[in-house]
Amino acid sequence: MLGAARLPNNCPALVLNADYRPLSYFPLSLWSWQDAIKAVFLERVNILAEYERTVRSPSFEMKLPSVVSLKTYVRAARHPAFTRFNVFLRDRFECQYCGSGEDLTFDHVIPRSRGGKTTWDNVVTACAHCNLLKGGRLAHHIGMHPRHHPRKPTINELRSNGRAFPPNYLHESWADYLYWDSVLEP
């Protein structure tokens, strides 16, 4: 049991791009302590902050990095990938019919059985209850209207939405690099 207490598993490193901004806010760009140390040895990152925890080998000792920045700038994608996660993020993890945040799925506004496509302009976040209630029918035929018309978001919109969901764990050394509305409020 004492050996398990020594493991540094709860020491993720915040990964910043070369411009000192996180690669992503939601999910927050984090690496395991092992990946962070590997990147240090491969000279791919600069260490900006460290934990008090130290890892040792017979010939080496190092404090675990808590914030690292990439030495080479990684360009952000110009267009967001169409993924289930990004649809949920665009819709702020809320059912577009009732507002629930529980048991989320995605729904085709024009059902696939009626020729609807799986695209940004036809898919919304829906809770399982509303999705089953709507079924293969058109939403406006049964009085269900999405709160927001589905559309392709920009990368900046997804980043902004991601900032609305700070992670449960924020190490104090990360504060200078992260900007969430809820973190900044007094």
Protein backbone atom coordinates (compact mmCIF):
# COMPACT_ATOMS: atom_id res chain seq x y z
CA MET A 1 0.00 0.00 0.00
CA LEU A 2 2.86 2.39 0.75
CA GLY A 3 4.23 1.87 -2.78
CA ALA A 4 0.90 2.91 -4.29
CA ALA A 5 0.97 6.14 -2.28
CA ARG A 6 4.30 7.00 -3.91
CA LEU A 7 2.99 6.66 -7.46
CA PRO A 8 2.66 10.05 -9.17
CA ASN A 9 -0.51 9.08 -11.09
CA ASN A 10 -2.36 12.22 -10.02
CA CYS A 11 0.19 14.58 -11.53
CA PRO A 12 -0.92 15.34 -15.08
CA ALA A 13 0.91 18.01 -17.07
CA LEU A 14 -1.00 20.85 -18.69
CA VAL A 15 0.14 21.01 -22.33
CA LEU A 16 0.38 24.41 -23.96
CA ASN A 17 1.07 25.24 -27.56
CA ALA A 18 4.21 27.25 -28.38
CA ASP A 19 2.11 30.43 -27.92
CA TYR A 20 1.37 29.39 -24.29
CA ARG A 21 -2.31 28.67 -24.90
CA PRO A 22 -3.79 25.23 -24.15
CA LEU A 23 -4.10 22.95 -27.15
CA SER A 24 -7.72 22.47 -26.11
CA TYR A 25 -9.97 23.53 -23.24
CA PHE A 26 -12.52 20.76 -23.35
CA PRO A 27 -11.20 18.26 -22.98
CA LEU A 28 -8.32 20.09 -21.35
CA SER A 29 -5.00 19.25 -23.00
CA LEU A 30 -3.31 17.09 -20.37
CA TRP A 31 -0.56 14.48 -20.57
CA SER A 32 0.27 11.79 -18.07
CA TRP A 33 3.45 12.36 -16.08
CA GLN A 34 5.11 9.60 -18.14
CA ASP A 35 4.28 11.30 -21.47
CA ALA A 36 5.46 14.66 -20.13
CA ILE A 37 8.82 13.25 -19.03
CA LYS A 38 9.25 11.46 -22.35
CA ALA A 39 8.59 14.74 -24.20
CA VAL A 40 11.17 16.49 -21.99
CA PHE A 41 13.80 13.87 -22.82
CA LEU A 42 12.96 14.08 -26.53
CA GLU A 43 13.38 17.88 -26.24
CA ARG A 44 9.89 18.55 -27.62
CA VAL A 45 8.71 20.72 -24.72
CA ASN A 46 9.83 23.41 -22.28
CA ILE A 47 8.97 22.96 -18.61
CA LEU A 48 7.13 26.03 -17.28
CA ALA A 49 6.09 24.76 -13.83
CA GLU A 50 6.72 21.69 -11.70
CA TYR A 51 5.04 19.69 -8.95
CA GLU A 52 6.80 19.09 -5.66
CA ARG A 53 6.76 15.36 -6.54
CA THR A 54 10.01 13.88 -7.78
CA VAL A 55 10.72 10.76 -9.81
CA ARG A 56 14.03 8.98 -9.40
CA SER A 57 16.11 6.31 -11.00
CA PRO A 58 19.52 5.08 -9.81
CA SER A 59 21.25 7.78 -11.89
CA PHE A 60 18.60 10.47 -12.33
CA GLU A 61 16.17 12.66 -10.38
CA MET A 62 13.55 15.06 -11.73
CA LYS A 63 10.58 17.03 -10.43
CA LEU A 64 7.41 16.17 -12.33
CA PRO A 65 6.36 18.84 -14.84
CA SER A 66 2.97 20.41 -14.13
CA VAL A 67 2.95 22.79 -17.14
CA VAL A 68 4.82 22.26 -20.39
CA SER A 69 4.81 24.18 -23.66
CA LEU A 70 5.51 22.70 -27.05
CA LYS A 71 8.68 23.97 -28.74
CA THR A 72 7.00 23.84 -32.14
CA TYR A 73 3.69 25.60 -32.75
CA VAL A 74 0.83 23.28 -33.72
CA ARG A 75 -1.69 24.96 -36.00
CA ALA A 76 -5.28 24.50 -34.93
CA ALA A 77 -7.65 22.85 -37.36
CA ARG A 78 -9.44 25.41 -39.51
CA HIS A 79 -12.73 23.51 -39.47
CA PRO A 80 -14.07 21.44 -36.60
CA ALA A 81 -14.40 17.71 -37.14
CA PHE A 82 -17.96 16.42 -37.14
CA THR A 83 -17.97 14.15 -34.07
CA ARG A 84 -20.56 13.28 -31.46
CA PHE A 85 -18.46 15.10 -28.84
CA ASN A 86 -18.26 18.27 -30.95
CA VAL A 87 -22.04 18.22 -31.55
CA PHE A 88 -22.55 17.98 -27.77
CA LEU A 89 -20.01 20.77 -27.23
CA ARG A 90 -21.68 23.00 -29.85
CA ASP A 91 -25.02 22.45 -28.06
CA ARG A 92 -23.40 22.95 -24.63
CA PHE A 93 -24.26 19.41 -23.50
CA GLU A 94 -27.99 20.20 -23.39
CA CYS A 95 -30.90 18.50 -25.10
CA GLN A 96 -32.05 20.90 -27.78
CA TYR A 97 -35.68 19.95 -27.15
CA CYS A 98 -36.04 20.02 -23.34
CA GLY A 99 -32.73 21.37 -21.99
CA SER A 100 -31.79 18.24 -20.03
CA GLY A 101 -28.13 17.34 -19.67
CA GLU A 102 -28.79 13.68 -18.85
CA ASP A 103 -28.45 10.59 -21.05
CA LEU A 104 -27.48 12.52 -24.19
CA THR A 105 -27.64 11.19 -27.73
CA PHE A 106 -27.85 12.97 -31.03
CA ASP A 107 -30.94 13.34 -33.14
CA HIS A 108 -31.42 13.89 -36.84
CA VAL A 109 -33.83 16.84 -37.19
CA ILE A 110 -34.90 15.40 -40.55
CA PRO A 111 -34.79 11.67 -39.76
CA ARG A 112 -32.49 9.47 -41.82
CA SER A 113 -35.57 7.43 -42.76
CA ARG A 114 -36.86 10.57 -44.51
CA GLY A 115 -33.60 11.36 -46.30
CA GLY A 116 -31.92 13.39 -43.53
CA LYS A 117 -28.13 13.43 -43.57
CA THR A 118 -25.68 13.13 -40.71
CA THR A 119 -24.31 16.69 -41.00
CA TRP A 120 -23.84 19.72 -38.79
CA ASP A 121 -27.00 21.25 -40.27
CA ASN A 122 -29.23 18.29 -39.44
CA VAL A 123 -28.00 16.87 -36.12
CA VAL A 124 -28.73 18.20 -32.63
CA THR A 125 -28.06 16.99 -29.11
CA ALA A 126 -31.10 15.24 -27.63
CA CYS A 127 -31.72 13.35 -24.42
CA ALA A 128 -32.75 9.73 -24.87
CA HIS A 129 -36.34 10.51 -23.79
CA CYS A 130 -36.84 13.27 -26.40
CA ASN A 131 -35.08 11.25 -29.08
CA LEU A 132 -37.42 8.29 -28.48
CA LEU A 133 -40.45 10.59 -28.29
CA LYS A 134 -39.61 12.19 -31.63
CA GLY A 135 -38.66 8.89 -33.26
CA GLY A 136 -38.72 8.98 -37.07
CA ARG A 137 -41.08 11.93 -37.24
CA LEU A 138 -40.33 15.51 -38.21
CA ALA A 139 -39.93 17.64 -35.09
CA HIS A 140 -42.29 20.41 -36.19
CA HIS A 141 -45.07 17.87 -36.92
CA ILE A 142 -45.20 16.92 -33.24
CA GLY A 143 -44.48 20.34 -31.75
CA MET A 144 -40.83 19.70 -30.90
CA HIS A 145 -38.55 22.48 -32.08
CA PRO A 146 -34.79 22.61 -31.42
CA ARG A 147 -33.85 25.52 -29.15
CA HIS A 148 -31.10 26.48 -31.60
CA HIS A 149 -31.08 25.82 -35.32
CA PRO A 150 -28.31 23.29 -36.04
CA ARG A 151 -25.33 24.67 -37.94
CA LYS A 152 -21.62 24.12 -38.38
CA PRO A 153 -19.76 25.88 -35.53
CA THR A 154 -16.41 27.60 -35.87
CA ILE A 155 -13.36 26.38 -34.01
CA ASN A 156 -13.53 29.52 -31.86
CA GLU A 157 -17.16 28.81 -30.91
CA LEU A 158 -16.22 25.30 -29.77
CA ARG A 159 -13.26 26.67 -27.78
CA SER A 160 -15.49 29.28 -26.17
CA ASN A 161 -18.09 26.65 -25.28
CA GLY A 162 -15.34 24.44 -23.86
CA ARG A 163 -14.29 27.21 -21.48
CA ALA A 164 -17.76 27.01 -19.92
CA PHE A 165 -16.88 23.55 -18.57
CA PRO A 166 -13.77 23.76 -16.39
CA PRO A 167 -12.47 20.37 -15.27
CA ASN A 168 -12.98 19.10 -11.74
CA TYR A 169 -9.26 19.33 -11.07
CA LEU A 170 -7.22 22.48 -11.64
CA HIS A 171 -3.70 22.58 -10.22
CA GLU A 172 -2.67 25.99 -8.90
CA SER A 173 0.30 26.11 -11.31
CA TRP A 174 -2.13 26.08 -14.25
CA ALA A 175 -3.99 29.27 -13.23
CA ASP A 176 -1.89 31.67 -15.31
CA TYR A 177 -2.61 29.70 -18.49
CA LEU A 178 -6.33 28.90 -18.22
CA TYR A 179 -9.23 31.27 -18.62
CA TRP A 180 -12.72 30.16 -17.63
CA ASP A 181 -15.58 32.44 -16.72
CA SER A 182 -16.25 30.48 -13.54
CA VAL A 183 -12.59 30.56 -12.51
CA LEU A 184 -12.30 34.32 -13.04
CA GLU A 185 -15.44 35.29 -11.11
CA PRO A 186 -14.90 36.41 -7.47
